N, C-alpha and C. Protein backbone atom coordinates (compact mmCIF):
# COMPACT_ATOMS: atom_id res chain seq x y z
N UNK A 1 -13.45 -13.85 7.75
CA UNK A 1 -12.68 -13.11 6.93
C UNK A 1 -11.37 -12.30 7.20
N UNK A 2 -10.68 -12.22 6.52
CA UNK A 2 -9.59 -11.55 6.69
C UNK A 2 -9.77 -10.17 6.83
N UNK A 3 -10.67 -9.44 6.33
CA UNK A 3 -11.09 -7.98 6.52
C UNK A 3 -11.25 -7.63 8.00
N UNK A 4 -12.37 -8.84 8.64
CA UNK A 4 -12.55 -8.89 9.96
C UNK A 4 -11.54 -8.70 10.89
N UNK A 5 -10.60 -9.61 10.70
CA UNK A 5 -9.17 -9.72 11.42
C UNK A 5 -8.43 -8.36 11.32
N UNK A 6 -8.39 -7.89 10.31
CA UNK A 6 -7.72 -6.62 9.93
C UNK A 6 -8.32 -5.51 11.10
N UNK A 7 -9.73 -5.42 11.09
CA UNK A 7 -10.49 -4.51 11.92
C UNK A 7 -10.26 -4.86 13.39
N UNK A 8 -10.36 -6.12 13.82
CA UNK A 8 -10.07 -6.39 15.27
C UNK A 8 -8.61 -6.13 15.55
N UNK A 9 -7.62 -6.18 14.56
CA UNK A 9 -6.33 -5.59 14.77
C UNK A 9 -6.40 -4.11 15.08
N UNK A 10 -6.98 -3.39 14.45
CA UNK A 10 -7.07 -2.03 14.65
C UNK A 10 -7.45 -1.49 16.10
N UNK A 11 -8.55 -2.60 16.59
CA UNK A 11 -9.16 -2.47 17.91
C UNK A 11 -8.13 -2.60 18.93
N UNK A 12 -7.42 -3.62 18.74
CA UNK A 12 -6.44 -4.12 19.56
C UNK A 12 -5.54 -3.14 19.79
N UNK A 13 -5.04 -2.84 18.71
CA UNK A 13 -3.76 -1.67 18.60
C UNK A 13 -4.15 -0.47 19.30
N UNK A 14 -5.25 -0.11 19.14
CA UNK A 14 -5.85 0.99 19.96
C UNK A 14 -5.83 0.94 21.34
N UNK A 15 -6.30 -0.25 21.80
CA UNK A 15 -6.47 -0.55 23.10
C UNK A 15 -4.98 -0.85 23.84
N UNK A 16 -4.20 -1.06 23.05
CA UNK A 16 -2.65 -1.65 23.60
C UNK A 16 -1.86 -0.33 23.36
N UNK A 17 -2.23 0.76 22.81
CA UNK A 17 -1.80 1.99 22.55
C UNK A 17 -0.47 1.69 21.75
N UNK A 18 -0.36 0.79 20.91
CA UNK A 18 0.59 0.46 19.96
C UNK A 18 0.50 1.36 18.68
N UNK A 19 1.22 2.50 18.42
CA UNK A 19 0.70 3.61 17.59
C UNK A 19 1.20 2.98 16.35
N UNK A 20 2.75 2.59 16.32
CA UNK A 20 3.20 2.09 15.14
C UNK A 20 2.01 1.28 14.22
N UNK A 21 1.80 0.31 14.83
CA UNK A 21 0.93 -0.76 14.55
C UNK A 21 -0.33 -0.17 13.78
N UNK A 22 -0.94 0.27 14.89
CA UNK A 22 -2.23 0.99 14.76
C UNK A 22 -2.27 2.17 13.13
N UNK A 23 -1.06 2.41 13.36
CA UNK A 23 -1.04 3.61 11.97
C UNK A 23 -0.92 2.52 10.46
N UNK A 24 0.02 1.73 10.91
CA UNK A 24 -0.07 0.75 9.53
C UNK A 24 -1.28 -0.03 9.36
N UNK A 25 -2.06 -0.56 10.44
CA UNK A 25 -3.34 -1.13 10.06
C UNK A 25 -4.45 -0.05 9.46
N UNK A 26 -4.28 1.07 9.84
CA UNK A 26 -5.11 2.35 9.57
C UNK A 26 -4.95 2.32 7.88
N UNK A 27 -3.82 2.10 7.75
CA UNK A 27 -3.19 2.43 6.11
C UNK A 27 -3.75 1.32 5.09
N UNK A 28 -3.86 0.28 5.98
CA UNK A 28 -4.27 -1.11 5.15
C UNK A 28 -5.81 -0.90 4.98
N UNK A 29 -6.23 -0.43 6.17
CA UNK A 29 -7.86 -0.06 5.89
C UNK A 29 -8.41 0.89 5.00
N UNK A 30 -7.60 2.02 4.82
CA UNK A 30 -7.58 2.89 4.05
C UNK A 30 -7.62 2.52 2.68
N UNK A 31 -6.37 1.62 2.61
CA UNK A 31 -6.20 0.99 0.93
C UNK A 31 -7.41 0.10 0.44
N UNK A 32 -7.94 -0.55 1.53
CA UNK A 32 -8.96 -1.43 1.39
C UNK A 32 -10.30 -0.52 0.98
N UNK A 33 -10.21 0.22 1.61
CA UNK A 33 -11.70 1.34 1.28
C UNK A 33 -11.60 1.84 0.13
N UNK A 34 -10.11 2.35 -0.42
CA UNK A 34 -9.93 2.78 -1.78
C UNK A 34 -10.10 1.73 -3.11
N UNK A 35 -9.81 0.76 -2.51
CA UNK A 35 -10.07 -0.41 -3.59
C UNK A 35 -11.56 -0.76 -3.81
N UNK A 36 -12.60 -0.70 -2.77
CA UNK A 36 -13.96 -0.96 -2.65
C UNK A 36 -14.42 0.42 -3.75
N UNK A 37 -14.11 1.45 -3.49
CA UNK A 37 -14.48 2.31 -4.46
C UNK A 37 -14.19 2.28 -5.69
N UNK A 38 -12.98 1.66 -6.06
CA UNK A 38 -12.33 1.40 -7.42
C UNK A 38 -13.41 0.44 -7.84
N UNK A 39 -13.83 -0.62 -7.03
CA UNK A 39 -14.52 -1.55 -7.54
C UNK A 39 -16.14 -1.10 -7.70
N UNK A 40 -16.47 -0.12 -7.25
CA UNK A 40 -17.82 0.38 -6.96
C UNK A 40 -18.97 -0.47 -6.29
N UNK A 41 -18.27 -1.00 -5.30
CA UNK A 41 -18.98 -2.04 -4.69
C UNK A 41 -19.70 -1.50 -3.29
N UNK A 42 -21.06 -1.36 -2.95
CA UNK A 42 -21.32 -1.05 -1.60
C UNK A 42 -21.35 -2.43 -0.54
N UNK A 43 -21.25 -3.50 -1.18
CA UNK A 43 -20.92 -4.60 -0.24
C UNK A 43 -19.61 -5.44 -0.75
N UNK A 44 -18.92 -6.22 0.15
CA UNK A 44 -17.87 -6.86 -0.19
C UNK A 44 -18.40 -8.07 -0.98
N UNK A 45 -17.55 -8.20 -2.37
CA UNK A 45 -17.54 -9.07 -3.04
C UNK A 45 -17.30 -10.51 -2.53
N UNK A 46 -18.01 -11.67 -3.20
CA UNK A 46 -17.60 -12.92 -2.57
C UNK A 46 -16.09 -13.23 -2.44
N UNK A 47 -15.49 -13.13 -3.06
CA UNK A 47 -13.81 -13.41 -2.86
C UNK A 47 -13.46 -12.10 -2.32
N UNK A 48 -13.90 -11.71 -1.22
CA UNK A 48 -13.22 -10.60 -0.52
C UNK A 48 -11.97 -10.72 0.10
N UNK A 49 -11.77 -12.15 0.38
CA UNK A 49 -10.29 -12.40 1.13
C UNK A 49 -9.25 -12.13 -0.08
N UNK A 50 -9.61 -12.71 -1.32
CA UNK A 50 -8.57 -12.77 -2.23
C UNK A 50 -8.09 -11.46 -2.75
N UNK A 51 -9.33 -10.38 -2.64
CA UNK A 51 -9.16 -9.06 -3.05
C UNK A 51 -8.11 -8.32 -2.01
N UNK A 52 -8.45 -8.48 -0.47
CA UNK A 52 -7.60 -8.26 0.57
C UNK A 52 -6.30 -8.66 0.44
N UNK A 53 -6.08 -10.02 0.19
CA UNK A 53 -4.74 -10.54 0.02
C UNK A 53 -4.03 -9.68 -1.16
N UNK A 54 -4.81 -9.36 -2.30
CA UNK A 54 -3.93 -8.57 -3.62
C UNK A 54 -3.65 -7.27 -3.01
N UNK A 55 -4.41 -6.68 -2.19
CA UNK A 55 -4.00 -5.11 -1.89
C UNK A 55 -2.85 -5.23 -0.95
N UNK A 56 -2.68 -6.28 0.00
CA UNK A 56 -1.97 -6.24 1.05
C UNK A 56 -0.61 -6.78 0.25
N UNK A 57 -0.72 -7.85 -0.59
CA UNK A 57 0.66 -7.73 -1.39
C UNK A 57 1.30 -6.92 -2.22
N UNK A 58 0.42 -5.86 -2.49
CA UNK A 58 0.87 -4.49 -3.71
C UNK A 58 1.33 -3.73 -2.60
N UNK A 59 0.70 -3.60 -1.21
CA UNK A 59 1.59 -2.61 0.02
C UNK A 59 2.74 -2.98 0.44
N UNK A 60 3.08 -4.59 0.32
CA UNK A 60 4.39 -4.93 0.87
C UNK A 60 5.07 -4.74 -0.23
N UNK A 61 5.07 -4.95 -1.87
CA UNK A 61 5.95 -4.87 -2.59
C UNK A 61 6.28 -3.27 -2.71
N UNK A 62 5.23 -2.34 -2.53
CA UNK A 62 5.58 -0.71 -2.73
C UNK A 62 6.28 -0.31 -1.33
N UNK A 63 6.48 -1.23 -0.31
CA UNK A 63 7.41 -0.87 0.72
C UNK A 63 8.80 -1.29 0.38
N UNK A 64 8.40 -2.54 -0.06
CA UNK A 64 9.95 -2.98 -0.12
C UNK A 64 10.76 -2.30 -1.42
N UNK A 65 10.22 -1.87 -2.24
CA UNK A 65 10.76 -0.93 -3.47
C UNK A 65 11.36 0.37 -2.59
N UNK A 66 10.37 0.81 -1.73
CA UNK A 66 10.63 2.20 -1.15
C UNK A 66 12.01 1.67 -0.11
N UNK A 67 11.97 0.83 0.67
CA UNK A 67 13.12 0.25 1.54
C UNK A 67 14.42 0.41 0.56
N UNK A 68 14.41 -0.16 -0.58
CA UNK A 68 15.50 -0.27 -1.10
C UNK A 68 16.14 1.17 -1.62
N UNK A 69 14.92 1.85 -2.12
CA UNK A 69 15.34 3.64 -2.51
C UNK A 69 15.81 4.34 -1.16
N UNK A 70 15.36 3.98 0.04
CA UNK A 70 15.70 4.88 1.14
C UNK A 70 17.28 4.21 1.50
N UNK A 71 17.30 3.07 1.79
CA UNK A 71 18.95 2.54 1.50
C UNK A 71 19.75 2.96 0.73
N UNK A 72 19.60 3.02 -0.61
CA UNK A 72 20.44 3.68 -1.34
C UNK A 72 20.92 5.11 -1.30
N UNK A 73 19.67 5.73 -0.82
CA UNK A 73 19.64 7.39 -0.58
C UNK A 73 20.23 7.72 0.74
N UNK A 74 20.45 6.65 1.72
CA UNK A 74 21.22 6.96 2.69
C UNK A 74 20.36 7.34 3.82
N UNK A 75 19.08 7.08 3.73
CA UNK A 75 17.86 7.25 4.80
C UNK A 75 17.43 5.95 5.57
N UNK A 76 18.63 5.47 6.35
CA UNK A 76 18.30 4.23 7.20
C UNK A 76 17.06 4.21 8.15
N UNK A 77 16.75 5.17 8.49
CA UNK A 77 15.65 5.53 9.30
C UNK A 77 14.11 5.67 8.83
N UNK A 78 14.14 6.08 7.68
CA UNK A 78 12.97 6.08 6.84
C UNK A 78 12.77 4.52 6.19
N UNK A 79 13.98 3.91 5.92
CA UNK A 79 13.75 2.30 5.49
C UNK A 79 13.48 1.49 6.70
N UNK A 80 13.84 1.95 7.97
CA UNK A 80 13.47 1.02 9.26
C UNK A 80 11.89 1.02 9.29
N UNK A 81 11.34 2.13 9.16
CA UNK A 81 10.09 2.70 9.47
C UNK A 81 9.29 1.85 8.29
N UNK A 82 9.40 1.73 7.10
CA UNK A 82 9.01 1.05 6.00
C UNK A 82 9.07 -0.18 6.28
N UNK A 83 10.25 -0.75 6.72
CA UNK A 83 10.36 -2.32 7.19
C UNK A 83 9.28 -2.91 8.47
N UNK A 84 9.05 -1.80 9.61
CA UNK A 84 8.12 -2.23 10.17
C UNK A 84 6.92 -2.06 9.76
N UNK A 85 6.43 -1.56 8.92
CA UNK A 85 5.23 -1.59 8.02
C UNK A 85 5.06 -2.69 7.50
N UNK A 86 5.98 -3.36 6.48
CA UNK A 86 5.93 -4.50 6.18
C UNK A 86 5.79 -5.77 7.06
N UNK A 87 6.61 -5.42 7.95
CA UNK A 87 6.02 -6.65 9.37
C UNK A 87 4.77 -6.83 9.66
N UNK A 88 4.25 -5.66 9.80
CA UNK A 88 2.50 -5.64 10.31
C UNK A 88 1.79 -6.04 9.15
N UNK A 89 2.08 -5.57 8.15
CA UNK A 89 1.21 -5.92 6.75
C UNK A 89 1.34 -7.71 6.58
N UNK A 90 2.56 -7.94 6.72
CA UNK A 90 2.61 -9.41 6.57
C UNK A 90 2.21 -10.43 7.45
N UNK A 91 1.73 -9.96 8.63
CA UNK A 91 0.86 -10.71 9.78
C UNK A 91 -0.25 -11.15 9.34
N UNK A 92 -1.23 -10.38 8.16
CA UNK A 92 -2.25 -10.18 7.49
C UNK A 92 -2.52 -11.49 6.50
N UNK A 93 -1.26 -11.42 5.86
CA UNK A 93 -1.20 -12.42 4.73
C UNK A 93 -0.93 -13.87 5.03
N UNK A 94 -1.43 -14.75 4.14
CA UNK A 94 -1.09 -16.33 4.59
C UNK A 94 0.28 -16.39 4.36
N UNK A 95 0.61 -17.73 4.91
CA UNK A 95 2.11 -18.20 4.92
C UNK A 95 2.60 -18.44 3.56
N UNK A 96 3.67 -17.96 3.28
CA UNK A 96 4.04 -17.92 1.66
C UNK A 96 5.03 -19.13 1.47
N UNK A 97 4.61 -19.71 0.31
CA UNK A 97 5.56 -21.19 -0.04
C UNK A 97 6.96 -20.69 -0.11
N UNK A 98 7.60 -21.87 0.17
CA UNK A 98 9.08 -21.64 0.21
C UNK A 98 9.55 -21.77 -1.47
N UNK A 99 10.91 -21.79 -1.46
CA UNK A 99 11.29 -21.62 -2.95
C UNK A 99 11.04 -22.82 -3.54
N UNK A 100 11.37 -23.90 -2.56
CA UNK A 100 11.37 -25.48 -2.96
C UNK A 100 9.99 -25.86 -3.42
N UNK A 101 9.33 -25.54 -2.73
CA UNK A 101 7.61 -25.52 -2.93
C UNK A 101 7.31 -24.74 -4.38
N UNK A 102 7.56 -23.81 -4.40
CA UNK A 102 7.08 -22.87 -5.47
C UNK A 102 7.58 -23.64 -6.77
N UNK A 103 9.09 -23.86 -6.58
CA UNK A 103 9.82 -24.59 -8.04
C UNK A 103 9.06 -25.87 -8.23
N UNK A 104 8.42 -26.76 -7.10
CA UNK A 104 7.90 -27.84 -7.72
C UNK A 104 6.49 -27.56 -7.95
N UNK A 105 5.91 -26.58 -7.51
CA UNK A 105 4.48 -26.31 -8.37
C UNK A 105 4.69 -25.76 -9.97
N UNK A 106 5.96 -25.00 -9.98
CA UNK A 106 5.95 -24.39 -11.55
C UNK A 106 6.37 -25.76 -12.21
N UNK A 107 7.32 -26.79 -11.63
CA UNK A 107 7.26 -28.06 -12.57
C UNK A 107 6.01 -28.76 -12.63
N UNK A 108 5.15 -28.69 -11.66
CA UNK A 108 4.28 -29.56 -12.06
C UNK A 108 3.07 -29.27 -12.93
N UNK A 109 2.99 -27.80 -13.12
CA UNK A 109 2.31 -27.10 -13.84
C UNK A 109 2.95 -27.19 -15.41
N UNK A 110 4.22 -27.00 -15.36
CA UNK A 110 5.04 -26.92 -16.90
C UNK A 110 4.43 -28.39 -17.29
N UNK A 111 4.64 -29.33 -16.45
CA UNK A 111 4.38 -30.81 -17.13
C UNK A 111 2.80 -30.59 -17.64
N UNK A 112 2.00 -30.12 -16.61
CA UNK A 112 0.70 -30.44 -17.12
C UNK A 112 0.33 -29.96 -18.26
N UNK A 113 0.74 -28.85 -18.65
CA UNK A 113 0.52 -27.73 -19.83
C UNK A 113 1.49 -28.26 -21.07
N UNK A 114 2.39 -29.00 -20.57
CA UNK A 114 3.44 -29.50 -21.78
C UNK A 114 4.22 -28.29 -22.12
N UNK A 115 4.65 -27.53 -21.16
CA UNK A 115 5.37 -26.14 -21.49
C UNK A 115 6.98 -26.65 -21.96
N UNK A 116 7.63 -26.21 -23.25
CA UNK A 116 8.72 -26.33 -23.47
C UNK A 116 9.71 -25.51 -23.73
N UNK A 117 9.17 -24.22 -23.64
CA UNK A 117 9.99 -23.09 -23.88
C UNK A 117 9.44 -21.89 -23.42
N UNK A 118 10.26 -20.91 -23.76
CA UNK A 118 9.83 -19.30 -23.37
C UNK A 118 8.36 -19.13 -24.02
N UNK A 119 7.89 -19.80 -24.82
CA UNK A 119 6.73 -19.29 -25.83
C UNK A 119 5.42 -19.52 -24.88
N UNK A 120 5.53 -20.57 -23.92
CA UNK A 120 4.79 -21.05 -22.89
C UNK A 120 4.64 -20.39 -21.70
N UNK A 121 5.25 -19.52 -21.25
CA UNK A 121 5.69 -19.06 -19.97
C UNK A 121 4.49 -18.11 -19.52
N UNK A 122 3.36 -17.54 -20.50
CA UNK A 122 1.98 -16.80 -20.04
C UNK A 122 1.21 -18.42 -19.66
N UNK A 123 1.40 -19.54 -20.30
CA UNK A 123 0.28 -20.47 -19.90
C UNK A 123 0.83 -20.65 -18.17
N UNK A 124 2.19 -21.02 -17.87
CA UNK A 124 2.62 -21.40 -16.94
C UNK A 124 2.39 -20.21 -15.90
N UNK A 125 2.61 -18.90 -16.15
CA UNK A 125 2.25 -18.27 -14.93
C UNK A 125 0.79 -17.82 -14.76
N UNK A 126 -0.05 -17.78 -15.60
CA UNK A 126 -1.58 -17.78 -15.57
C UNK A 126 -2.17 -18.76 -14.77
N UNK A 127 -1.47 -20.15 -14.78
CA UNK A 127 -1.96 -21.19 -13.97
C UNK A 127 -1.48 -21.37 -12.77
N UNK A 128 -0.41 -20.48 -12.65
CA UNK A 128 0.34 -20.47 -11.01
C UNK A 128 -0.48 -19.26 -10.58
N UNK A 129 -0.81 -18.11 -10.90
CA UNK A 129 -1.44 -17.25 -10.56
C UNK A 129 -2.74 -17.55 -10.10
N UNK A 130 -3.34 -18.34 -10.94
CA UNK A 130 -4.71 -18.81 -10.73
C UNK A 130 -4.71 -19.57 -9.38
N UNK A 131 -3.91 -20.52 -8.96
CA UNK A 131 -3.89 -21.62 -8.19
C UNK A 131 -3.15 -21.13 -6.82
N UNK A 132 -2.06 -20.44 -6.99
CA UNK A 132 -1.38 -19.90 -5.90
C UNK A 132 -0.91 -18.55 -5.74
N UNK A 133 -1.60 -17.54 -6.25
CA UNK A 133 -1.47 -16.10 -5.81
C UNK A 133 -1.33 -15.80 -4.61
N UNK A 134 -1.90 -15.90 -3.89
CA UNK A 134 -2.18 -15.71 -2.27
C UNK A 134 -0.73 -16.29 -1.73
N UNK A 135 -0.20 -17.25 -2.03
CA UNK A 135 0.75 -18.10 -1.45
C UNK A 135 2.52 -17.86 -1.73
N UNK A 136 2.31 -17.11 -2.86
CA UNK A 136 3.87 -16.61 -3.16
C UNK A 136 3.80 -15.35 -3.88
N UNK A 137 5.39 -14.63 -4.05
CA UNK A 137 5.53 -13.57 -4.58
C UNK A 137 5.51 -13.67 -5.87
N UNK A 138 4.52 -13.31 -6.58
CA UNK A 138 4.94 -13.42 -8.23
C UNK A 138 6.19 -12.95 -8.97
N UNK A 139 6.42 -11.96 -8.19
CA UNK A 139 7.91 -11.36 -9.04
C UNK A 139 8.95 -12.17 -9.05
N UNK A 140 9.00 -13.09 -7.57
CA UNK A 140 9.98 -13.99 -7.74
C UNK A 140 10.07 -15.40 -8.61
N UNK A 141 8.48 -15.58 -8.43
CA UNK A 141 8.08 -16.94 -9.37
C UNK A 141 8.35 -16.67 -10.61
N UNK A 142 8.21 -15.45 -11.11
CA UNK A 142 8.31 -14.94 -12.36
C UNK A 142 9.66 -15.47 -12.78
N UNK A 143 10.60 -15.23 -12.17
CA UNK A 143 12.01 -15.49 -12.28
C UNK A 143 12.14 -17.10 -12.57
N UNK A 144 11.67 -17.76 -11.55
CA UNK A 144 11.87 -19.13 -11.44
C UNK A 144 11.33 -19.95 -12.70
N UNK A 145 10.33 -19.31 -13.03
CA UNK A 145 9.53 -19.85 -14.28
C UNK A 145 10.38 -19.70 -15.58
N UNK A 146 10.77 -18.23 -15.60
CA UNK A 146 11.66 -18.17 -16.81
C UNK A 146 13.11 -19.22 -16.66
N UNK A 147 13.52 -19.57 -15.53
CA UNK A 147 14.85 -20.37 -15.18
C UNK A 147 14.32 -21.79 -15.62
N UNK A 148 12.97 -22.23 -15.48
CA UNK A 148 12.65 -23.68 -15.67
C UNK A 148 12.11 -23.80 -17.01
N UNK A 149 11.99 -22.66 -17.94
CA UNK A 149 11.56 -22.98 -19.21
C UNK A 149 12.73 -22.82 -20.07
N UNK A 150 14.03 -21.94 -19.63
CA UNK A 150 14.74 -22.04 -20.60
C UNK A 150 15.70 -23.16 -20.85
């Protein structure tokens, strides 16, 4: 399970004395614990990996937004810290689909549902998220779906 590999990474970082990585892994575990509390479950749900991936993707998105703001605000050192966190978090995420692969999946779903315009964007996005949410950045995918349906 993904959660177990994150806990193992925490132990490895402690043993190696890798303080930046340890701090980021602890942040991940804290976010997962917060999410568990939100869901009010004492045991991990059956699709725990999907929930963990969702939390990790949200953390990456937040940090990318922070990086942009820090760079615009003239704080390159803080942007670098956030980028280092992104790199650690991404080690736990599954490999992301390339732009070409994503566009091919969008076209396949578009043909499958018979999407012909922007009114069908919800159908296409829904199926795309259902089938491939852990493998792609839904923000970028949204733009590609708009372009494909225009």
